[in-house]
Amino acid sequence: LCWLYWEDGRLLEAAVLGEYLAHDDSESKYAPAAAKVALAAMERLVNQSLASPENDGLFESERLKRLATLVIERWPQSAEAAAASNLLVHIAVRSGNLAAAEKLLQQLPESNRAAAQLSLGSAMWSNYLKATAHVQGEPDGSAIDLRHRAEKYLTLGFEQAQSTGNISAAQAKGGLY
């Protein structure tokens, strides 16, 4: 039913039902898959709310964070947990909390880090460029540290994405940085 709601574009119903299964019926063999559908539905609801001028998306973002945390706690070694961790990294990057994103990135399985590393590296690189835009001469130590961290994540993310042979446009952009 959760999947059918998703397919029908009934995102709120898909999110609520998937969250219910993840929270209250986590022993069901369908709970992890329903939780993944709920994560996708909630992420889309967050994006829709952020696109709306009347909504700041805070409520939806907090629900998405709670759901992602629940998925990671319930099924830590699953593909769903990796997807949830990746979502948390992207939320932290989008909100500008790069320290939290770095911490979350370390919790991701090595094989699932490429997209998150590229996203984090791109955000750090953008912050570095902003910080040094009006600097005459050599940037300060914090800006140089930011540049080195950005280079590290961009390089690792691109190398990992390249090894899979399936590079998206966003990953190619990270490689160009």
N, C-alpha and C. Protein backbone atom coordinates (compact mmCIF):
# COMPACT_ATOMS: atom_id res chain seq x y z
N LEU A 1 0.83 -1.19 0.00
CA LEU A 1 0.00 0.00 0.00
C LEU A 1 0.87 1.26 0.00
N CYS A 2 1.94 1.21 0.77
CA CYS A 2 2.87 2.33 0.82
C CYS A 2 3.41 2.63 -0.58
N TRP A 3 3.84 1.60 -1.29
CA TRP A 3 4.36 1.76 -2.64
C TRP A 3 3.27 2.29 -3.58
N LEU A 4 2.05 1.79 -3.43
CA LEU A 4 0.96 2.26 -4.29
C LEU A 4 0.67 3.74 -4.06
N TYR A 5 0.72 4.17 -2.80
CA TYR A 5 0.57 5.60 -2.52
C TYR A 5 1.67 6.40 -3.22
N TRP A 6 2.90 5.91 -3.14
CA TRP A 6 4.02 6.58 -3.80
C TRP A 6 3.78 6.68 -5.30
N GLU A 7 3.40 5.56 -5.90
CA GLU A 7 3.15 5.53 -7.34
C GLU A 7 2.02 6.47 -7.76
N ASP A 8 1.05 6.64 -6.88
CA ASP A 8 -0.10 7.49 -7.17
C ASP A 8 0.18 8.97 -6.85
N GLY A 9 1.38 9.26 -6.36
CA GLY A 9 1.73 10.64 -6.03
C GLY A 9 1.16 11.12 -4.71
N ARG A 10 0.67 10.19 -3.90
CA ARG A 10 0.12 10.54 -2.59
C ARG A 10 1.26 10.45 -1.58
N LEU A 11 2.12 11.45 -1.63
CA LEU A 11 3.37 11.42 -0.88
C LEU A 11 3.17 11.41 0.62
N LEU A 12 2.25 12.20 1.11
CA LEU A 12 2.04 12.25 2.56
C LEU A 12 1.56 10.90 3.08
N GLU A 13 0.62 10.27 2.37
CA GLU A 13 0.14 8.96 2.80
C GLU A 13 1.26 7.92 2.74
N ALA A 14 2.09 7.96 1.68
CA ALA A 14 3.21 7.02 1.57
C ALA A 14 4.19 7.23 2.72
N ALA A 15 4.48 8.48 3.04
CA ALA A 15 5.41 8.78 4.13
C ALA A 15 4.87 8.34 5.48
N VAL A 16 3.61 8.63 5.74
CA VAL A 16 3.02 8.27 7.04
C VAL A 16 2.94 6.76 7.21
N LEU A 17 2.48 6.06 6.19
CA LEU A 17 2.36 4.61 6.29
C LEU A 17 3.73 3.95 6.40
N GLY A 18 4.70 4.39 5.60
CA GLY A 18 6.04 3.83 5.68
C GLY A 18 6.69 4.10 7.03
N GLU A 19 6.49 5.30 7.57
CA GLU A 19 7.03 5.62 8.88
C GLU A 19 6.37 4.76 9.96
N TYR A 20 5.07 4.55 9.84
CA TYR A 20 4.37 3.69 10.80
C TYR A 20 4.96 2.28 10.80
N LEU A 21 5.14 1.72 9.61
CA LEU A 21 5.70 0.36 9.52
C LEU A 21 7.11 0.31 10.10
N ALA A 22 7.91 1.33 9.82
CA ALA A 22 9.29 1.35 10.33
C ALA A 22 9.30 1.47 11.85
N HIS A 23 8.38 2.23 12.37
CA HIS A 23 8.37 2.50 13.82
C HIS A 23 7.65 1.41 14.61
N ASP A 24 6.46 1.04 14.18
CA ASP A 24 5.61 0.16 14.99
C ASP A 24 5.55 -1.29 14.53
N ASP A 25 6.05 -1.58 13.33
CA ASP A 25 6.01 -2.95 12.83
C ASP A 25 7.35 -3.29 12.19
N SER A 26 8.42 -2.95 12.87
CA SER A 26 9.76 -3.07 12.29
C SER A 26 10.20 -4.52 12.07
N GLU A 27 9.50 -5.47 12.66
CA GLU A 27 9.85 -6.88 12.46
C GLU A 27 9.27 -7.43 11.16
N SER A 28 8.35 -6.70 10.55
CA SER A 28 7.78 -7.13 9.28
C SER A 28 8.86 -7.14 8.21
N LYS A 29 8.77 -8.14 7.32
CA LYS A 29 9.76 -8.21 6.25
C LYS A 29 9.60 -7.05 5.26
N TYR A 30 8.46 -6.38 5.29
CA TYR A 30 8.21 -5.25 4.39
C TYR A 30 8.60 -3.90 5.00
N ALA A 31 8.89 -3.89 6.27
CA ALA A 31 9.17 -2.62 6.96
C ALA A 31 10.37 -1.87 6.38
N PRO A 32 11.52 -2.51 6.12
CA PRO A 32 12.63 -1.74 5.56
C PRO A 32 12.31 -1.11 4.19
N ALA A 33 11.64 -1.87 3.34
CA ALA A 33 11.27 -1.33 2.02
C ALA A 33 10.27 -0.18 2.16
N ALA A 34 9.32 -0.34 3.07
CA ALA A 34 8.34 0.72 3.30
C ALA A 34 9.03 1.96 3.87
N ALA A 35 10.02 1.75 4.72
CA ALA A 35 10.76 2.89 5.27
C ALA A 35 11.52 3.63 4.17
N LYS A 36 12.06 2.88 3.22
CA LYS A 36 12.78 3.52 2.11
C LYS A 36 11.81 4.34 1.24
N VAL A 37 10.63 3.82 1.02
CA VAL A 37 9.61 4.58 0.28
C VAL A 37 9.24 5.83 1.08
N ALA A 38 9.09 5.68 2.38
CA ALA A 38 8.75 6.82 3.23
C ALA A 38 9.84 7.88 3.18
N LEU A 39 11.10 7.45 3.18
CA LEU A 39 12.21 8.41 3.08
C LEU A 39 12.13 9.19 1.77
N ALA A 40 11.90 8.47 0.68
CA ALA A 40 11.81 9.13 -0.62
C ALA A 40 10.62 10.09 -0.67
N ALA A 41 9.49 9.66 -0.12
CA ALA A 41 8.30 10.51 -0.12
C ALA A 41 8.53 11.75 0.74
N MET A 42 9.12 11.54 1.91
CA MET A 42 9.38 12.67 2.80
C MET A 42 10.40 13.63 2.19
N GLU A 43 11.41 13.09 1.52
CA GLU A 43 12.39 13.96 0.86
C GLU A 43 11.70 14.81 -0.21
N ARG A 44 10.82 14.20 -0.97
CA ARG A 44 10.11 14.96 -2.00
C ARG A 44 9.21 16.02 -1.36
N LEU A 45 8.58 15.68 -0.24
CA LEU A 45 7.76 16.68 0.47
C LEU A 45 8.62 17.84 0.97
N VAL A 46 9.83 17.53 1.45
CA VAL A 46 10.75 18.59 1.89
C VAL A 46 11.08 19.49 0.72
N ASN A 47 11.42 18.91 -0.42
CA ASN A 47 11.78 19.70 -1.60
C ASN A 47 10.61 20.55 -2.08
N GLN A 48 9.41 20.00 -2.03
CA GLN A 48 8.23 20.77 -2.42
C GLN A 48 7.99 21.93 -1.46
N SER A 49 8.17 21.68 -0.17
CA SER A 49 7.93 22.75 0.80
C SER A 49 8.99 23.84 0.69
N LEU A 50 10.22 23.47 0.38
CA LEU A 50 11.27 24.47 0.22
C LEU A 50 11.04 25.32 -1.04
N ALA A 51 10.37 24.75 -2.03
CA ALA A 51 10.08 25.49 -3.26
C ALA A 51 8.91 26.45 -3.09
N SER A 52 8.16 26.27 -2.01
CA SER A 52 6.99 27.12 -1.76
C SER A 52 7.40 28.35 -0.95
N PRO A 53 7.02 29.54 -1.40
CA PRO A 53 7.41 30.75 -0.66
C PRO A 53 6.75 30.86 0.71
N GLU A 54 5.64 30.18 0.94
CA GLU A 54 4.95 30.27 2.24
C GLU A 54 5.48 29.28 3.27
N ASN A 55 6.35 28.37 2.86
CA ASN A 55 6.78 27.30 3.76
C ASN A 55 8.30 27.28 3.84
N ASP A 56 8.84 27.15 5.03
CA ASP A 56 10.30 27.09 5.20
C ASP A 56 10.84 25.67 5.20
N GLY A 57 9.95 24.67 5.21
CA GLY A 57 10.36 23.28 5.14
C GLY A 57 10.92 22.71 6.44
N LEU A 58 10.89 23.47 7.53
CA LEU A 58 11.47 22.99 8.78
C LEU A 58 10.74 21.77 9.33
N PHE A 59 9.42 21.80 9.32
CA PHE A 59 8.64 20.68 9.85
C PHE A 59 8.97 19.40 9.08
N GLU A 60 8.92 19.49 7.75
CA GLU A 60 9.18 18.32 6.92
C GLU A 60 10.62 17.83 7.07
N SER A 61 11.56 18.79 7.17
CA SER A 61 12.98 18.42 7.34
C SER A 61 13.21 17.68 8.65
N GLU A 62 12.57 18.15 9.71
CA GLU A 62 12.72 17.49 11.01
C GLU A 62 12.13 16.08 10.98
N ARG A 63 11.00 15.92 10.33
CA ARG A 63 10.40 14.58 10.21
C ARG A 63 11.31 13.66 9.40
N LEU A 64 11.88 14.20 8.34
CA LEU A 64 12.79 13.41 7.51
C LEU A 64 14.01 12.99 8.32
N LYS A 65 14.57 13.90 9.11
CA LYS A 65 15.73 13.56 9.94
C LYS A 65 15.38 12.48 10.95
N ARG A 66 14.21 12.59 11.60
CA ARG A 66 13.80 11.58 12.58
C ARG A 66 13.61 10.22 11.92
N LEU A 67 12.98 10.22 10.76
CA LEU A 67 12.75 8.96 10.05
C LEU A 67 14.07 8.34 9.61
N ALA A 68 14.99 9.15 9.08
CA ALA A 68 16.29 8.63 8.65
C ALA A 68 17.05 8.06 9.84
N THR A 69 17.01 8.74 10.97
CA THR A 69 17.68 8.26 12.17
C THR A 69 17.07 6.94 12.63
N LEU A 70 15.75 6.83 12.57
CA LEU A 70 15.07 5.58 12.95
C LEU A 70 15.51 4.43 12.05
N VAL A 71 15.58 4.67 10.75
CA VAL A 71 15.99 3.62 9.81
C VAL A 71 17.42 3.17 10.10
N ILE A 72 18.30 4.11 10.39
CA ILE A 72 19.69 3.77 10.69
C ILE A 72 19.78 2.94 11.97
N GLU A 73 18.98 3.30 12.96
CA GLU A 73 19.00 2.56 14.23
C GLU A 73 18.40 1.17 14.09
N ARG A 74 17.30 1.04 13.34
CA ARG A 74 16.60 -0.25 13.22
C ARG A 74 17.34 -1.26 12.36
N TRP A 75 17.90 -0.80 11.24
CA TRP A 75 18.54 -1.69 10.28
C TRP A 75 19.91 -1.12 9.89
N PRO A 76 20.86 -1.10 10.82
CA PRO A 76 22.13 -0.38 10.59
C PRO A 76 22.97 -0.88 9.42
N GLN A 77 22.88 -2.14 9.07
CA GLN A 77 23.72 -2.68 8.00
C GLN A 77 22.99 -2.78 6.66
N SER A 78 21.82 -2.22 6.57
CA SER A 78 21.00 -2.37 5.36
C SER A 78 21.28 -1.28 4.33
N ALA A 79 20.83 -1.53 3.12
CA ALA A 79 20.90 -0.53 2.06
C ALA A 79 20.03 0.68 2.42
N GLU A 80 18.93 0.42 3.13
CA GLU A 80 18.06 1.50 3.55
C GLU A 80 18.77 2.44 4.53
N ALA A 81 19.58 1.86 5.42
CA ALA A 81 20.34 2.68 6.37
C ALA A 81 21.38 3.52 5.64
N ALA A 82 22.00 2.96 4.63
CA ALA A 82 22.97 3.72 3.84
C ALA A 82 22.28 4.88 3.13
N ALA A 83 21.09 4.63 2.57
CA ALA A 83 20.34 5.70 1.91
C ALA A 83 19.93 6.76 2.92
N ALA A 84 19.52 6.35 4.10
CA ALA A 84 19.12 7.30 5.14
C ALA A 84 20.31 8.14 5.60
N SER A 85 21.46 7.51 5.77
CA SER A 85 22.67 8.25 6.16
C SER A 85 23.05 9.26 5.08
N ASN A 86 22.96 8.85 3.85
CA ASN A 86 23.26 9.74 2.73
C ASN A 86 22.32 10.94 2.74
N LEU A 87 21.05 10.70 3.00
CA LEU A 87 20.08 11.79 3.11
C LEU A 87 20.46 12.77 4.21
N LEU A 88 20.86 12.24 5.35
CA LEU A 88 21.25 13.11 6.47
C LEU A 88 22.47 13.96 6.11
N VAL A 89 23.40 13.38 5.38
CA VAL A 89 24.57 14.15 4.94
C VAL A 89 24.11 15.29 4.03
N HIS A 90 23.24 15.00 3.09
CA HIS A 90 22.76 16.03 2.17
C HIS A 90 21.97 17.12 2.89
N ILE A 91 21.20 16.74 3.89
CA ILE A 91 20.45 17.73 4.67
C ILE A 91 21.42 18.64 5.41
N ALA A 92 22.45 18.05 6.01
CA ALA A 92 23.44 18.85 6.74
C ALA A 92 24.18 19.78 5.78
N VAL A 93 24.53 19.30 4.60
CA VAL A 93 25.21 20.14 3.61
C VAL A 93 24.30 21.28 3.18
N ARG A 94 23.03 20.96 2.88
CA ARG A 94 22.08 21.98 2.43
C ARG A 94 21.87 23.05 3.49
N SER A 95 21.90 22.65 4.77
CA SER A 95 21.69 23.62 5.84
C SER A 95 22.98 24.35 6.22
N GLY A 96 24.09 23.98 5.58
CA GLY A 96 25.36 24.65 5.84
C GLY A 96 26.12 24.10 7.03
N ASN A 97 25.68 23.01 7.60
CA ASN A 97 26.34 22.41 8.76
C ASN A 97 27.36 21.38 8.26
N LEU A 98 28.49 21.87 7.79
CA LEU A 98 29.48 20.99 7.18
C LEU A 98 30.16 20.07 8.18
N ALA A 99 30.30 20.53 9.42
CA ALA A 99 30.90 19.67 10.45
C ALA A 99 30.02 18.46 10.72
N ALA A 100 28.72 18.67 10.81
CA ALA A 100 27.79 17.55 11.01
C ALA A 100 27.81 16.63 9.80
N ALA A 101 27.89 17.20 8.61
CA ALA A 101 27.94 16.39 7.39
C ALA A 101 29.19 15.51 7.37
N GLU A 102 30.32 16.07 7.80
CA GLU A 102 31.55 15.26 7.85
C GLU A 102 31.41 14.11 8.84
N LYS A 103 30.82 14.39 9.98
CA LYS A 103 30.62 13.35 10.99
C LYS A 103 29.70 12.25 10.47
N LEU A 104 28.61 12.64 9.83
CA LEU A 104 27.67 11.67 9.28
C LEU A 104 28.30 10.86 8.16
N LEU A 105 29.13 11.51 7.38
CA LEU A 105 29.79 10.83 6.27
C LEU A 105 30.61 9.64 6.75
N GLN A 106 31.23 9.78 7.90
CA GLN A 106 32.05 8.70 8.44
C GLN A 106 31.21 7.48 8.83
N GLN A 107 29.92 7.68 9.05
CA GLN A 107 29.03 6.58 9.42
C GLN A 107 28.55 5.79 8.20
N LEU A 108 28.70 6.38 7.02
CA LEU A 108 28.28 5.69 5.81
C LEU A 108 29.23 4.55 5.48
N PRO A 109 28.70 3.44 4.97
CA PRO A 109 29.59 2.39 4.49
C PRO A 109 30.47 2.94 3.36
N GLU A 110 31.70 2.50 3.31
CA GLU A 110 32.67 2.99 2.33
C GLU A 110 32.11 2.95 0.91
N SER A 111 31.39 1.89 0.59
CA SER A 111 30.89 1.70 -0.77
C SER A 111 29.76 2.66 -1.13
N ASN A 112 29.19 3.35 -0.16
CA ASN A 112 28.06 4.25 -0.42
C ASN A 112 28.40 5.72 -0.18
N ARG A 113 29.66 6.06 -0.16
CA ARG A 113 30.06 7.42 0.19
C ARG A 113 30.23 8.36 -0.99
N ALA A 114 30.34 7.89 -2.21
CA ALA A 114 30.73 8.73 -3.34
C ALA A 114 29.87 9.98 -3.48
N ALA A 115 28.57 9.81 -3.57
CA ALA A 115 27.68 10.96 -3.78
C ALA A 115 27.77 11.94 -2.62
N ALA A 116 27.80 11.42 -1.40
CA ALA A 116 27.88 12.29 -0.23
C ALA A 116 29.22 13.02 -0.17
N GLN A 117 30.31 12.33 -0.53
CA GLN A 117 31.62 12.99 -0.54
C GLN A 117 31.66 14.10 -1.56
N LEU A 118 31.10 13.86 -2.73
CA LEU A 118 31.08 14.89 -3.76
C LEU A 118 30.21 16.08 -3.35
N SER A 119 29.08 15.79 -2.73
CA SER A 119 28.21 16.86 -2.27
C SER A 119 28.90 17.70 -1.20
N LEU A 120 29.50 17.04 -0.23
CA LEU A 120 30.19 17.74 0.85
C LEU A 120 31.40 18.50 0.30
N GLY A 121 32.18 17.86 -0.56
CA GLY A 121 33.34 18.53 -1.15
C GLY A 121 32.95 19.75 -1.96
N SER A 122 31.86 19.64 -2.72
CA SER A 122 31.37 20.78 -3.52
C SER A 122 30.94 21.94 -2.62
N ALA A 123 30.26 21.62 -1.53
CA ALA A 123 29.83 22.68 -0.60
C ALA A 123 31.05 23.34 0.04
N MET A 124 32.02 22.54 0.43
CA MET A 124 33.23 23.11 1.03
C MET A 124 33.99 23.98 0.03
N TRP A 125 34.06 23.51 -1.22
CA TRP A 125 34.75 24.28 -2.25
C TRP A 125 34.04 25.63 -2.47
N SER A 126 32.72 25.59 -2.53
CA SER A 126 31.96 26.85 -2.68
C SER A 126 32.22 27.79 -1.51
N ASN A 127 32.24 27.24 -0.30
CA ASN A 127 32.52 28.07 0.88
C ASN A 127 33.94 28.63 0.82
N TYR A 128 34.87 27.83 0.35
CA TYR A 128 36.26 28.31 0.21
C TYR A 128 36.31 29.47 -0.79
N LEU A 129 35.64 29.32 -1.93
CA LEU A 129 35.65 30.38 -2.93
C LEU A 129 35.02 31.67 -2.39
N LYS A 130 33.94 31.54 -1.63
CA LYS A 130 33.31 32.72 -1.02
C LYS A 130 34.25 33.37 -0.01
N ALA A 131 34.92 32.55 0.79
CA ALA A 131 35.80 33.07 1.84
C ALA A 131 37.02 33.76 1.27
N THR A 132 37.45 33.38 0.08
CA THR A 132 38.67 33.95 -0.48
C THR A 132 38.41 34.91 -1.64
N ALA A 133 37.15 35.20 -1.92
CA ALA A 133 36.82 36.04 -3.07
C ALA A 133 37.45 37.43 -3.00
N HIS A 134 37.53 38.00 -1.82
CA HIS A 134 38.04 39.37 -1.68
C HIS A 134 39.36 39.42 -0.93
N VAL A 135 40.02 38.29 -0.82
CA VAL A 135 41.28 38.23 -0.08
C VAL A 135 42.43 38.60 -1.01
N GLN A 136 43.24 39.53 -0.56
CA GLN A 136 44.45 39.90 -1.29
C GLN A 136 45.60 39.07 -0.73
N GLY A 137 46.34 38.41 -1.56
CA GLY A 137 47.46 37.60 -1.08
C GLY A 137 47.02 36.21 -0.66
N GLU A 138 47.77 35.66 0.29
CA GLU A 138 47.53 34.29 0.76
C GLU A 138 46.34 34.23 1.71
N PRO A 139 45.39 33.27 1.50
CA PRO A 139 44.27 33.12 2.43
C PRO A 139 44.74 32.66 3.81
N ASP A 140 43.89 32.86 4.81
CA ASP A 140 44.26 32.44 6.17
C ASP A 140 44.21 30.93 6.31
N GLY A 141 44.66 30.44 7.46
CA GLY A 141 44.77 29.00 7.71
C GLY A 141 43.45 28.26 7.64
N SER A 142 42.35 28.87 8.11
CA SER A 142 41.06 28.18 8.08
C SER A 142 40.57 28.01 6.64
N ALA A 143 40.83 28.99 5.80
CA ALA A 143 40.42 28.88 4.39
C ALA A 143 41.25 27.81 3.69
N ILE A 144 42.54 27.76 3.99
CA ILE A 144 43.40 26.74 3.38
C ILE A 144 42.98 25.34 3.84
N ASP A 145 42.64 25.21 5.13
CA ASP A 145 42.16 23.93 5.65
C ASP A 145 40.87 23.52 4.95
N LEU A 146 39.97 24.48 4.74
CA LEU A 146 38.71 24.21 4.05
C LEU A 146 38.99 23.73 2.63
N ARG A 147 39.93 24.36 1.95
CA ARG A 147 40.28 23.96 0.59
C ARG A 147 40.82 22.53 0.57
N HIS A 148 41.70 22.20 1.52
CA HIS A 148 42.27 20.85 1.56
C HIS A 148 41.20 19.79 1.84
N ARG A 149 40.28 20.10 2.74
CA ARG A 149 39.20 19.15 3.03
C ARG A 149 38.29 18.99 1.81
N ALA A 150 38.01 20.09 1.13
CA ALA A 150 37.19 20.03 -0.09
C ALA A 150 37.87 19.16 -1.14
N GLU A 151 39.16 19.39 -1.34
CA GLU A 151 39.91 18.58 -2.32
C GLU A 151 39.87 17.10 -1.97
N LYS A 152 40.02 16.80 -0.68
CA LYS A 152 40.02 15.40 -0.23
C LYS A 152 38.68 14.73 -0.56
N TYR A 153 37.57 15.37 -0.19
CA TYR A 153 36.26 14.76 -0.43
C TYR A 153 35.92 14.69 -1.91
N LEU A 154 36.28 15.71 -2.67
CA LEU A 154 36.01 15.69 -4.10
C LEU A 154 36.81 14.58 -4.79
N THR A 155 38.06 14.45 -4.42
CA THR A 155 38.91 13.42 -5.02
C THR A 155 38.41 12.02 -4.67
N LEU A 156 38.16 11.78 -3.37
CA LEU A 156 37.67 10.46 -2.96
C LEU A 156 36.33 10.14 -3.60
N GLY A 157 35.42 11.09 -3.61
CA GLY A 157 34.09 10.86 -4.19
C GLY A 157 34.15 10.58 -5.67
N PHE A 158 34.96 11.36 -6.39
CA PHE A 158 35.05 11.15 -7.83
C PHE A 158 35.72 9.83 -8.16
N GLU A 159 36.78 9.49 -7.43
CA GLU A 159 37.46 8.21 -7.67
C GLU A 159 36.53 7.03 -7.43
N GLN A 160 35.74 7.12 -6.36
CA GLN A 160 34.82 6.03 -6.07
C GLN A 160 33.71 5.95 -7.13
N ALA A 161 33.19 7.11 -7.52
CA ALA A 161 32.15 7.13 -8.55
C ALA A 161 32.71 6.62 -9.88
N GLN A 162 33.93 6.99 -10.19
CA GLN A 162 34.57 6.56 -11.42
C GLN A 162 34.78 5.04 -11.43
N SER A 163 35.09 4.47 -10.27
CA SER A 163 35.32 3.02 -10.21
C SER A 163 34.06 2.22 -10.49
N THR A 164 32.89 2.82 -10.23
CA THR A 164 31.64 2.13 -10.52
C THR A 164 31.26 2.25 -11.98
N GLY A 165 31.84 3.24 -12.68
CA GLY A 165 31.55 3.43 -14.09
C GLY A 165 30.22 4.09 -14.35
N ASN A 166 29.58 4.60 -13.31
CA ASN A 166 28.26 5.20 -13.45
C ASN A 166 28.29 6.60 -12.84
N ILE A 167 28.76 7.57 -13.59
CA ILE A 167 28.95 8.92 -13.08
C ILE A 167 27.80 9.80 -13.53
N SER A 168 27.17 10.45 -12.55
CA SER A 168 26.07 11.36 -12.85
C SER A 168 26.62 12.74 -13.21
N ALA A 169 25.75 13.62 -13.66
CA ALA A 169 26.16 15.00 -13.98
C ALA A 169 26.68 15.71 -12.75
N ALA A 170 26.05 15.50 -11.59
CA ALA A 170 26.50 16.13 -10.35
C ALA A 170 27.88 15.62 -9.94
N GLN A 171 28.12 14.33 -10.16
CA GLN A 171 29.42 13.77 -9.81
C GLN A 171 30.50 14.29 -10.76
N ALA A 172 30.17 14.46 -12.01
CA ALA A 172 31.12 15.02 -12.97
C ALA A 172 31.45 16.46 -12.59
N LYS A 173 30.46 17.21 -12.14
CA LYS A 173 30.69 18.59 -11.69
C LYS A 173 31.66 18.59 -10.50
N GLY A 174 31.48 17.66 -9.57
CA GLY A 174 32.39 17.53 -8.44
C GLY A 174 33.81 17.22 -8.90
N GLY A 175 33.92 16.38 -9.91
CA GLY A 175 35.23 16.07 -10.48
C GLY A 175 35.88 17.28 -11.11
N LEU A 176 35.08 18.12 -11.74
CA LEU A 176 35.63 19.35 -12.33
C LEU A 176 36.14 20.30 -11.26
N TYR A 177 35.43 20.37 -10.14
CA TYR A 177 35.93 21.22 -9.03
C TYR A 177 37.30 20.74 -8.62
